[in-house]
Amino acid sequence: MALSDRIVSLRKQRNLSQRDIAQALGITDQTVSNWEQGRSEPRLTIRQVVLLCGILDCSLSDLDGGDKTIDSTIQVFGYHGTSREKANTILSEGFRVSDNDYDWLGEGVYFFQDAPYRAMQWATQQHPQNPAVIRSLIQLDNCIDLLDIKWFPPLKIVYNSFREGYQRFERPLPKQNPTLSKAHRLDCAFFNYATELLRSQGQEMEAIRAVFVEGENMFPSSAIFDLAHIQIAVKNKALIKNCQLI
């Protein structure tokens, strides 16, 4: 269901008019009509996003009509590349949340999903003398799951608020440099912002996962890349189970 269709559905379920929505958000009736007809996409400030969810009595992720029952049923194996010394510390004391400003999915404990060889390759590049990989069972509860389309409509709304916040203070958006340094500062800042916004609405997101395209074409003109992988950033360490060195 498209975002515009979901707004119509939620509005009618609450017996609200387009004018009710417009007055709550401080916009015109025609703007709401344009959303619902698919003639334009909502471009909202943080305050308006919160107000829209409030008047529609929904969470941000509800705006796309996704099935909430799916998020709590997914379990996957994650592979964390590190050094032998750090692996021993992790196994005895637990994982440390990474908070670099260039992490691809914002703050979290990072894993390659179902990719032990890719994890070992990364560990060898970072720690050539003593690479190691830890395998963990990860329960993807309350996950922003970008392997399917559910989360993209609400995140597009969040991005408008994210960008306008930088514009309001006349600050440039963080720069991406995924090809050379592998730094994803824009993505990192955005996902940290999105999780904080959701938290302010009472929706605690505990993990994010997404596909990343890296490497070279498998053969000339191929759409398959030899280092493409699924990455998971776990924000709640309680989701990480059964850790073992492999």
Protein backbone atom coordinates (compact mmCIF):
# COMPACT_ATOMS: atom_id res chain seq x y z
CA MET A 1 0.00 0.00 0.00
CA ALA A 2 1.38 3.40 -1.01
CA LEU A 3 1.98 6.04 1.66
CA SER A 4 -0.79 8.25 0.24
CA ASP A 5 -3.25 5.34 0.39
CA ARG A 6 -2.22 4.59 3.96
CA ILE A 7 -2.83 8.19 5.06
CA VAL A 8 -6.33 7.99 3.53
CA SER A 9 -7.01 4.67 5.24
CA LEU A 10 -5.82 5.82 8.66
CA ARG A 11 -7.67 9.13 8.37
CA LYS A 12 -10.96 7.41 7.53
CA GLN A 13 -10.49 4.81 10.28
CA ARG A 14 -10.25 7.70 12.77
CA ASN A 15 -13.26 9.50 11.20
CA LEU A 16 -11.10 12.50 10.38
CA SER A 17 -11.46 14.92 7.49
CA GLN A 18 -8.71 16.31 5.29
CA ARG A 19 -9.30 19.63 7.06
CA ASP A 20 -8.67 17.97 10.46
CA ILE A 21 -5.28 16.79 9.22
CA ALA A 22 -4.47 20.13 7.61
CA GLN A 23 -5.35 22.16 10.69
CA ALA A 24 -3.32 19.89 12.98
CA LEU A 25 -0.24 20.25 10.76
CA GLY A 26 -0.71 23.92 9.87
CA ILE A 27 -1.05 23.29 6.13
CA THR A 28 -3.80 23.69 3.54
CA ASP A 29 -6.61 21.26 2.78
CA GLN A 30 -5.34 21.13 -0.80
CA THR A 31 -1.92 19.90 0.37
CA VAL A 32 -3.51 16.96 2.16
CA SER A 33 -5.66 16.27 -0.90
CA ASN A 34 -2.54 16.26 -3.07
CA TRP A 35 -0.90 13.68 -0.79
CA GLU A 36 -3.91 11.41 -0.87
CA GLN A 37 -4.22 11.67 -4.65
CA GLY A 38 -0.53 10.88 -5.08
CA ARG A 39 0.17 14.23 -6.70
CA SER A 40 2.89 15.07 -4.16
CA GLU A 41 4.75 13.46 -1.26
CA PRO A 42 4.57 14.74 2.34
CA ARG A 43 7.46 17.09 3.20
CA LEU A 44 7.24 17.51 6.94
CA THR A 45 9.24 18.97 9.78
CA ILE A 46 10.00 16.84 12.86
CA ARG A 47 7.13 18.50 14.70
CA GLN A 48 4.72 17.79 11.84
CA VAL A 49 5.78 14.14 11.65
CA VAL A 50 5.03 13.72 15.35
CA LEU A 51 1.72 15.59 14.97
CA LEU A 52 0.67 13.45 11.99
CA CYS A 53 1.36 10.24 13.90
CA GLY A 54 -0.48 11.71 16.88
CA ILE A 55 -3.65 12.68 15.05
CA LEU A 56 -3.70 9.39 13.13
CA ASP A 57 -2.92 7.50 16.37
CA CYS A 58 -0.12 5.50 14.75
CA SER A 59 3.63 5.01 14.84
CA LEU A 60 5.88 6.17 12.03
CA SER A 61 6.28 2.63 10.69
CA ASP A 62 2.47 2.23 10.66
CA LEU A 63 2.25 4.81 7.89
CA ASP A 64 3.23 2.17 5.33
CA GLY A 65 0.80 -0.43 6.66
CA GLY A 66 3.52 -3.05 7.25
CA ASP A 67 2.87 -6.30 9.08
CA LYS A 68 4.23 -5.86 12.59
CA THR A 69 4.20 -9.60 13.26
CA ILE A 70 7.07 -10.21 10.84
CA ASP A 71 9.72 -8.22 12.73
CA SER A 72 9.68 -10.41 15.84
CA THR A 73 10.05 -13.75 14.04
CA ILE A 74 13.35 -13.41 12.15
CA GLN A 75 16.51 -15.10 13.43
CA VAL A 76 19.75 -15.05 11.45
CA PHE A 77 23.41 -15.90 11.92
CA GLY A 78 25.68 -12.87 12.06
CA TYR A 79 29.45 -12.97 11.63
CA HIS A 80 31.60 -10.33 13.33
CA GLY A 81 35.15 -9.86 12.04
CA THR A 82 37.78 -8.77 14.55
CA SER A 83 41.20 -9.72 15.94
CA ARG A 84 41.91 -12.77 18.09
CA GLU A 85 42.59 -10.62 21.18
CA LYS A 86 39.41 -8.60 20.75
CA ALA A 87 37.42 -11.77 20.10
CA ASN A 88 38.52 -13.20 23.45
CA THR A 89 37.49 -9.95 25.16
CA ILE A 90 34.12 -10.01 23.43
CA LEU A 91 33.46 -13.59 24.48
CA SER A 92 34.29 -12.81 28.11
CA GLU A 93 32.88 -9.28 28.44
CA GLY A 94 30.43 -8.81 25.57
CA PHE A 95 30.35 -6.69 22.44
CA ARG A 96 31.07 -2.97 22.36
CA VAL A 97 28.70 -0.71 20.41
CA SER A 98 30.50 1.12 17.60
CA ASP A 99 29.76 4.85 17.50
CA ASN A 100 32.00 6.07 14.68
CA ASP A 101 30.51 8.91 12.64
CA TYR A 102 31.11 6.93 9.44
CA ASP A 103 29.44 3.63 10.38
CA TRP A 104 27.10 2.59 7.63
CA LEU A 105 23.90 2.11 9.63
CA GLY A 106 24.60 4.34 12.61
CA GLU A 107 25.54 3.20 16.09
CA GLY A 108 25.51 -0.54 16.73
CA VAL A 109 27.36 -3.85 16.87
CA TYR A 110 28.08 -4.84 13.27
CA PHE A 111 27.69 -8.24 11.62
CA PHE A 112 27.82 -9.73 8.14
CA GLN A 113 24.66 -11.81 7.77
CA ASP A 114 25.23 -15.44 6.71
CA ALA A 115 28.67 -14.56 5.33
CA PRO A 116 31.52 -16.12 7.36
CA TYR A 117 34.06 -15.90 4.51
CA ARG A 118 33.28 -12.22 3.90
CA ALA A 119 33.67 -11.57 7.63
CA MET A 120 37.03 -13.35 7.67
CA GLN A 121 38.17 -11.43 4.61
CA TRP A 122 37.34 -8.16 6.37
CA ALA A 123 39.02 -9.30 9.59
CA THR A 124 42.15 -10.28 7.66
CA GLN A 125 42.32 -6.86 6.00
CA GLN A 126 41.95 -5.08 9.35
CA HIS A 127 44.02 -7.49 11.49
CA PRO A 128 46.36 -9.37 9.14
CA GLN A 129 48.43 -10.92 11.95
CA ASN A 130 45.60 -12.46 13.95
CA PRO A 131 42.14 -12.28 12.28
CA ALA A 132 39.14 -13.87 13.94
CA VAL A 133 35.40 -14.22 13.39
CA ILE A 134 32.65 -14.60 15.98
CA ARG A 135 29.39 -16.22 14.95
CA SER A 136 26.23 -15.14 16.79
CA LEU A 137 22.54 -15.91 16.56
CA ILE A 138 20.67 -12.62 16.19
CA GLN A 139 16.98 -12.09 16.89
CA LEU A 140 15.85 -9.23 14.68
CA ASP A 141 13.23 -7.77 17.03
CA ASN A 142 12.04 -4.22 16.28
CA CYS A 143 14.29 -4.05 13.23
CA ILE A 144 14.40 -1.40 10.52
CA ASP A 145 14.62 -4.07 7.85
CA LEU A 146 15.68 -2.66 4.49
CA LEU A 147 15.69 -6.05 2.76
CA ASP A 148 12.02 -5.44 1.97
CA ILE A 149 10.06 -2.33 1.00
CA LYS A 150 8.14 -1.83 4.26
CA TRP A 151 10.40 0.81 5.78
CA PHE A 152 11.18 2.96 2.76
CA PRO A 153 8.01 5.15 2.70
CA PRO A 154 8.27 6.27 6.36
CA LEU A 155 12.04 6.75 6.10
CA LYS A 156 11.54 9.07 3.15
CA ILE A 157 9.36 11.22 5.40
CA VAL A 158 12.05 11.16 8.08
CA TYR A 159 14.69 12.21 5.53
CA ASN A 160 12.75 15.37 4.69
CA SER A 161 12.84 16.40 8.36
CA PHE A 162 16.49 15.36 8.64
CA ARG A 163 17.51 17.51 5.66
CA GLU A 164 15.43 20.49 6.71
CA GLY A 165 17.09 20.45 10.13
CA TYR A 166 20.49 20.95 8.49
CA GLN A 167 19.09 23.63 6.19
CA ARG A 168 17.52 25.50 9.08
CA PHE A 169 20.89 25.86 10.79
CA GLU A 170 22.66 26.47 7.45
CA ARG A 171 24.82 23.37 7.88
CA PRO A 172 25.89 21.12 4.99
CA LEU A 173 24.79 17.51 5.02
CA PRO A 174 27.51 15.01 5.99
CA LYS A 175 29.53 13.72 3.03
CA GLN A 176 29.55 10.18 1.72
CA ASN A 177 32.73 8.55 0.44
CA PRO A 178 31.80 4.88 0.00
CA THR A 179 34.19 4.19 -2.88
CA LEU A 180 37.49 5.32 -1.39
CA SER A 181 37.39 5.46 2.40
CA LYS A 182 34.18 3.41 2.83
CA ALA A 183 32.88 6.24 5.03
CA HIS A 184 29.09 6.57 5.08
CA ARG A 185 28.74 9.72 7.17
CA LEU A 186 25.43 10.78 5.62
CA ASP A 187 23.86 7.35 6.11
CA CYS A 188 25.25 7.17 9.65
CA ALA A 189 23.84 10.56 10.65
CA PHE A 190 20.49 9.78 9.05
CA PHE A 191 19.98 6.42 10.75
CA ASN A 192 21.01 7.81 14.13
CA TYR A 193 18.50 10.61 13.59
CA ALA A 194 15.76 8.18 12.52
CA THR A 195 16.19 5.91 15.54
CA GLU A 196 16.11 8.89 17.90
CA LEU A 197 12.96 10.23 16.24
CA LEU A 198 11.26 6.85 16.56
CA ARG A 199 12.38 6.61 20.18
CA SER A 200 10.77 9.99 20.87
CA GLN A 201 7.50 8.44 19.65
CA GLY A 202 7.90 5.47 21.99
CA GLN A 203 9.13 3.09 19.30
CA GLU A 204 12.50 1.62 20.25
CA MET A 205 14.36 0.24 17.23
CA GLU A 206 16.79 -2.48 18.24
CA ALA A 207 18.50 -3.32 14.93
CA ILE A 208 18.90 -2.20 11.32
CA ARG A 209 19.85 -4.37 8.35
CA ALA A 210 20.47 -3.51 4.71
CA VAL A 211 22.17 -4.71 1.54
CA PHE A 212 25.42 -3.05 0.48
CA VAL A 213 26.93 -3.36 -3.00
CA GLU A 214 30.71 -3.55 -2.98
CA GLY A 215 33.51 -4.95 -5.09
CA GLU A 216 33.62 -5.59 -8.82
CA ASN A 217 31.23 -7.03 -11.38
CA MET A 218 31.33 -10.81 -11.29
CA PHE A 219 31.95 -10.68 -15.05
CA PRO A 220 31.70 -7.82 -17.62
CA SER A 221 28.26 -6.16 -17.54
CA SER A 222 27.06 -8.40 -14.72
CA ALA A 223 24.73 -6.84 -12.14
CA ILE A 224 26.23 -9.14 -9.47
CA PHE A 225 29.11 -7.74 -7.40
CA ASP A 226 31.63 -10.00 -5.72
CA LEU A 227 31.63 -8.27 -2.31
CA ALA A 228 27.92 -7.46 -1.99
CA HIS A 229 26.57 -8.41 1.42
CA ILE A 230 23.89 -7.93 4.04
CA GLN A 231 25.00 -5.90 7.03
CA ILE A 232 23.31 -5.77 10.42
CA ALA A 233 23.77 -3.08 13.07
CA VAL A 234 22.47 -4.38 16.42
CA LYS A 235 21.57 -1.57 18.79
CA ASN A 236 20.27 -3.72 21.64
CA LYS A 237 22.97 -6.22 22.60
CA ALA A 238 20.34 -8.45 24.23
CA LEU A 239 19.41 -9.58 20.70
CA ILE A 240 22.83 -11.24 20.29
CA LYS A 241 22.87 -14.91 21.39
CA ASN A 242 25.06 -18.01 21.29
CA CYS A 243 28.39 -16.33 20.46
CA GLN A 244 31.28 -18.57 19.50
CA LEU A 245 34.65 -18.24 17.78
CA ILE A 246 34.81 -20.01 14.43
